[in-house]
């Protein structure tokens, strides 16, 4: 008996209304660091990788392994975007 051919995977859904779509975590952290600086970023998201010898690389390593912290950083990024649009 012959098995039916497999269907190709469906293309990824378009996310036109998702401002995070297509952004890397590195781009988000760099934008936040540029906008707020490490000291303010550590105050807004109190995690050690922002407080003690902060760097983009150490932050990325921690955020990729810690979903709750990544969610906080992504939320802060969205807040920053809203504030920037509001101030224009």
N, C-alpha and C. Protein backbone atom coordinates (compact mmCIF):
# COMPACT_ATOMS: atom_id res chain seq x y z
N UNK A 1 0.83 -1.17 0.00
CA UNK A 1 0.00 0.00 0.00
C UNK A 1 0.89 1.24 0.00
N UNK A 2 0.54 2.19 -0.82
CA UNK A 2 1.35 3.39 -0.97
C UNK A 2 0.80 4.49 -0.06
N UNK A 3 1.73 5.21 0.62
CA UNK A 3 1.29 6.30 1.50
C UNK A 3 1.07 7.56 0.66
N UNK A 4 0.10 8.36 1.04
CA UNK A 4 -0.15 9.59 0.28
C UNK A 4 1.02 10.56 0.45
N UNK A 5 1.28 11.37 -0.57
CA UNK A 5 2.40 12.31 -0.45
C UNK A 5 2.11 13.34 0.65
N UNK A 6 3.19 13.74 1.32
CA UNK A 6 3.04 14.71 2.40
C UNK A 6 2.76 16.09 1.82
N UNK A 7 1.94 16.83 2.54
CA UNK A 7 1.64 18.20 2.11
C UNK A 7 2.80 19.09 2.53
N UNK A 8 3.14 20.07 1.69
CA UNK A 8 4.20 21.00 2.11
C UNK A 8 3.71 21.84 3.29
N UNK A 9 4.63 22.29 4.13
CA UNK A 9 4.20 23.09 5.28
C UNK A 9 3.53 24.38 4.82
N UNK A 10 2.57 24.82 5.60
CA UNK A 10 1.87 26.05 5.29
C UNK A 10 2.82 27.23 5.46
N UNK A 11 2.69 28.25 4.62
CA UNK A 11 3.56 29.42 4.79
C UNK A 11 3.23 30.12 6.10
N UNK A 12 4.22 30.78 6.70
CA UNK A 12 3.96 31.46 7.97
C UNK A 12 2.90 32.54 7.79
N UNK A 13 2.09 32.71 8.81
CA UNK A 13 1.03 33.70 8.76
C UNK A 13 1.64 35.10 8.73
N UNK A 14 1.03 35.96 7.96
CA UNK A 14 1.47 37.36 7.91
C UNK A 14 1.12 38.03 9.23
N UNK A 15 2.01 38.84 9.72
CA UNK A 15 1.79 39.50 11.01
C UNK A 15 1.94 41.00 10.83
N UNK A 16 1.11 41.56 9.98
CA UNK A 16 1.22 42.98 9.65
C UNK A 16 1.04 43.88 10.87
N UNK A 17 0.24 43.46 11.83
CA UNK A 17 -0.03 44.30 13.00
C UNK A 17 0.88 44.00 14.18
N UNK A 18 1.87 43.15 14.00
CA UNK A 18 2.78 42.82 15.08
C UNK A 18 4.08 43.61 14.91
N UNK A 19 4.31 44.63 15.74
CA UNK A 19 5.52 45.44 15.57
C UNK A 19 6.81 44.68 15.89
N UNK A 20 6.71 43.52 16.52
CA UNK A 20 7.91 42.73 16.82
C UNK A 20 8.27 41.77 15.68
N UNK A 21 7.36 41.61 14.72
CA UNK A 21 7.59 40.66 13.63
C UNK A 21 8.81 41.10 12.81
N UNK A 22 9.73 40.18 12.64
CA UNK A 22 10.92 40.44 11.84
C UNK A 22 12.07 41.07 12.61
N UNK A 23 11.84 41.44 13.86
CA UNK A 23 12.91 42.02 14.67
C UNK A 23 13.64 40.92 15.44
N UNK A 24 14.93 41.07 15.52
CA UNK A 24 15.69 40.13 16.35
C UNK A 24 15.71 40.64 17.78
N UNK A 25 15.95 39.74 18.70
CA UNK A 25 16.07 40.13 20.10
C UNK A 25 17.24 41.09 20.27
N UNK A 26 18.30 40.89 19.50
CA UNK A 26 19.46 41.78 19.58
C UNK A 26 19.07 43.20 19.18
N UNK A 27 18.27 43.35 18.15
CA UNK A 27 17.84 44.68 17.71
C UNK A 27 16.98 45.35 18.78
N UNK A 28 16.15 44.58 19.45
CA UNK A 28 15.30 45.12 20.52
C UNK A 28 16.16 45.61 21.68
N UNK A 29 17.10 44.78 22.13
CA UNK A 29 17.96 45.15 23.27
C UNK A 29 18.81 46.37 22.91
N UNK A 30 19.34 46.40 21.70
CA UNK A 30 20.17 47.54 21.29
C UNK A 30 19.35 48.83 21.23
N UNK A 31 18.11 48.74 20.73
CA UNK A 31 17.25 49.93 20.67
C UNK A 31 16.92 50.43 22.06
N UNK A 32 16.62 49.51 22.97
CA UNK A 32 16.31 49.91 24.35
C UNK A 32 17.53 50.52 25.03
N UNK A 33 18.69 49.93 24.82
CA UNK A 33 19.90 50.44 25.44
C UNK A 33 20.23 51.83 24.89
N UNK A 34 20.03 52.04 23.61
CA UNK A 34 20.28 53.35 23.01
C UNK A 34 19.31 54.39 23.54
N UNK A 35 18.06 53.99 23.67
CA UNK A 35 17.02 54.92 24.11
C UNK A 35 17.12 55.24 25.61
N UNK A 36 17.26 54.21 26.43
CA UNK A 36 17.23 54.40 27.89
C UNK A 36 18.60 54.43 28.54
N UNK A 37 19.56 53.71 28.00
CA UNK A 37 20.85 53.53 28.66
C UNK A 37 20.74 52.35 29.64
N UNK A 38 21.88 51.78 30.00
CA UNK A 38 21.86 50.59 30.86
C UNK A 38 21.27 50.87 32.24
N UNK A 39 21.59 52.03 32.81
CA UNK A 39 21.14 52.32 34.17
C UNK A 39 19.61 52.40 34.24
N UNK A 40 19.00 53.13 33.32
CA UNK A 40 17.54 53.25 33.31
C UNK A 40 16.89 51.92 32.92
N UNK A 41 17.51 51.21 32.01
CA UNK A 41 17.00 49.90 31.60
C UNK A 41 16.98 48.94 32.79
N UNK A 42 18.03 48.99 33.60
CA UNK A 42 18.10 48.14 34.80
C UNK A 42 17.04 48.53 35.83
N UNK A 43 16.69 49.81 35.87
CA UNK A 43 15.64 50.25 36.78
C UNK A 43 14.26 49.80 36.28
N UNK A 44 14.05 49.88 34.98
CA UNK A 44 12.75 49.51 34.41
C UNK A 44 12.52 48.01 34.36
N UNK A 45 13.58 47.27 34.07
CA UNK A 45 13.52 45.80 34.05
C UNK A 45 14.64 45.31 34.97
N UNK A 46 14.34 45.11 36.25
CA UNK A 46 15.40 44.81 37.21
C UNK A 46 15.92 43.36 37.12
N UNK A 47 16.78 43.14 36.15
CA UNK A 47 17.43 41.84 36.01
C UNK A 47 18.94 42.07 36.03
N UNK A 48 19.65 41.11 36.56
CA UNK A 48 21.09 41.27 36.81
C UNK A 48 21.89 41.57 35.54
N UNK A 49 21.48 41.01 34.40
CA UNK A 49 22.27 41.23 33.19
C UNK A 49 22.22 42.69 32.73
N UNK A 50 21.26 43.48 33.24
CA UNK A 50 21.22 44.91 32.96
C UNK A 50 21.88 45.71 34.07
N UNK A 51 22.06 45.11 35.24
CA UNK A 51 22.56 45.84 36.41
C UNK A 51 24.07 45.69 36.62
N UNK A 52 24.60 44.52 36.38
CA UNK A 52 25.99 44.24 36.70
C UNK A 52 26.77 43.94 35.42
N UNK A 53 27.70 44.82 35.08
CA UNK A 53 28.51 44.69 33.87
C UNK A 53 27.64 44.37 32.65
N UNK A 54 26.70 45.25 32.32
CA UNK A 54 25.77 44.96 31.23
C UNK A 54 26.44 44.98 29.86
N UNK A 55 25.97 44.10 29.01
CA UNK A 55 26.39 44.08 27.61
C UNK A 55 25.25 43.45 26.81
N UNK A 56 25.24 43.73 25.54
CA UNK A 56 24.20 43.16 24.69
C UNK A 56 24.32 41.64 24.68
N UNK A 57 25.53 41.12 24.56
CA UNK A 57 25.71 39.67 24.48
C UNK A 57 25.26 38.95 25.74
N UNK A 58 25.62 39.47 26.92
CA UNK A 58 25.20 38.81 28.15
C UNK A 58 23.68 38.90 28.31
N UNK A 59 23.11 40.02 27.90
CA UNK A 59 21.66 40.18 27.98
C UNK A 59 20.95 39.19 27.06
N UNK A 60 21.46 39.03 25.85
CA UNK A 60 20.84 38.10 24.91
C UNK A 60 20.88 36.68 25.43
N UNK A 61 22.01 36.29 25.99
CA UNK A 61 22.14 34.93 26.53
C UNK A 61 21.10 34.68 27.61
N UNK A 62 20.94 35.63 28.53
CA UNK A 62 19.97 35.48 29.61
C UNK A 62 18.54 35.51 29.08
N UNK A 63 18.23 36.47 28.22
CA UNK A 63 16.85 36.63 27.73
C UNK A 63 16.39 35.45 26.89
N UNK A 64 17.30 34.83 26.16
CA UNK A 64 16.92 33.67 25.35
C UNK A 64 16.58 32.46 26.22
N UNK A 65 17.10 32.43 27.43
CA UNK A 65 16.85 31.30 28.33
C UNK A 65 15.75 31.57 29.35
N UNK A 66 15.27 32.81 29.40
CA UNK A 66 14.33 33.21 30.46
C UNK A 66 13.11 33.88 29.86
N UNK A 67 12.06 33.10 29.58
CA UNK A 67 10.88 33.66 28.89
C UNK A 67 10.23 34.85 29.60
N UNK A 68 10.14 34.81 30.94
CA UNK A 68 9.47 35.92 31.62
C UNK A 68 10.24 37.22 31.46
N UNK A 69 11.56 37.15 31.46
CA UNK A 69 12.37 38.36 31.29
C UNK A 69 12.27 38.87 29.86
N UNK A 70 12.26 37.95 28.92
CA UNK A 70 12.12 38.35 27.51
C UNK A 70 10.79 39.06 27.29
N UNK A 71 9.72 38.56 27.91
CA UNK A 71 8.41 39.20 27.78
C UNK A 71 8.45 40.62 28.33
N UNK A 72 9.12 40.82 29.45
CA UNK A 72 9.22 42.17 30.02
C UNK A 72 9.98 43.10 29.10
N UNK A 73 11.06 42.61 28.50
CA UNK A 73 11.86 43.43 27.59
C UNK A 73 11.05 43.76 26.33
N UNK A 74 10.35 42.78 25.79
CA UNK A 74 9.52 43.04 24.61
C UNK A 74 8.41 44.03 24.92
N UNK A 75 7.81 43.92 26.10
CA UNK A 75 6.76 44.86 26.51
C UNK A 75 7.32 46.27 26.64
N UNK A 76 8.50 46.40 27.21
CA UNK A 76 9.13 47.71 27.33
C UNK A 76 9.43 48.28 25.95
N UNK A 77 9.86 47.45 25.03
CA UNK A 77 10.13 47.91 23.66
C UNK A 77 8.85 48.45 23.01
N UNK A 78 7.74 47.73 23.18
CA UNK A 78 6.47 48.19 22.63
C UNK A 78 6.04 49.50 23.27
N UNK A 79 6.25 49.64 24.58
CA UNK A 79 5.95 50.88 25.28
C UNK A 79 6.79 52.02 24.71
N UNK A 80 8.08 51.76 24.48
CA UNK A 80 8.97 52.77 23.92
C UNK A 80 8.48 53.22 22.55
N UNK A 81 8.06 52.28 21.72
CA UNK A 81 7.54 52.63 20.39
C UNK A 81 6.30 53.50 20.49
N UNK A 82 5.38 53.16 21.40
CA UNK A 82 4.17 53.97 21.59
C UNK A 82 4.52 55.38 22.04
N UNK A 83 5.46 55.48 22.98
CA UNK A 83 5.88 56.80 23.46
C UNK A 83 6.52 57.62 22.35
N UNK A 84 7.32 56.98 21.52
CA UNK A 84 7.96 57.71 20.42
C UNK A 84 6.92 58.21 19.42
N UNK A 85 5.91 57.37 19.11
CA UNK A 85 4.85 57.80 18.19
C UNK A 85 4.03 58.93 18.80
N UNK A 86 3.77 58.85 20.09
CA UNK A 86 2.97 59.85 20.79
C UNK A 86 3.70 61.21 20.79
N UNK A 87 5.02 61.18 20.90
CA UNK A 87 5.79 62.42 20.97
C UNK A 87 6.07 63.05 19.62
N UNK A 88 5.73 62.40 18.54
CA UNK A 88 5.97 62.97 17.20
C UNK A 88 4.96 64.01 16.86
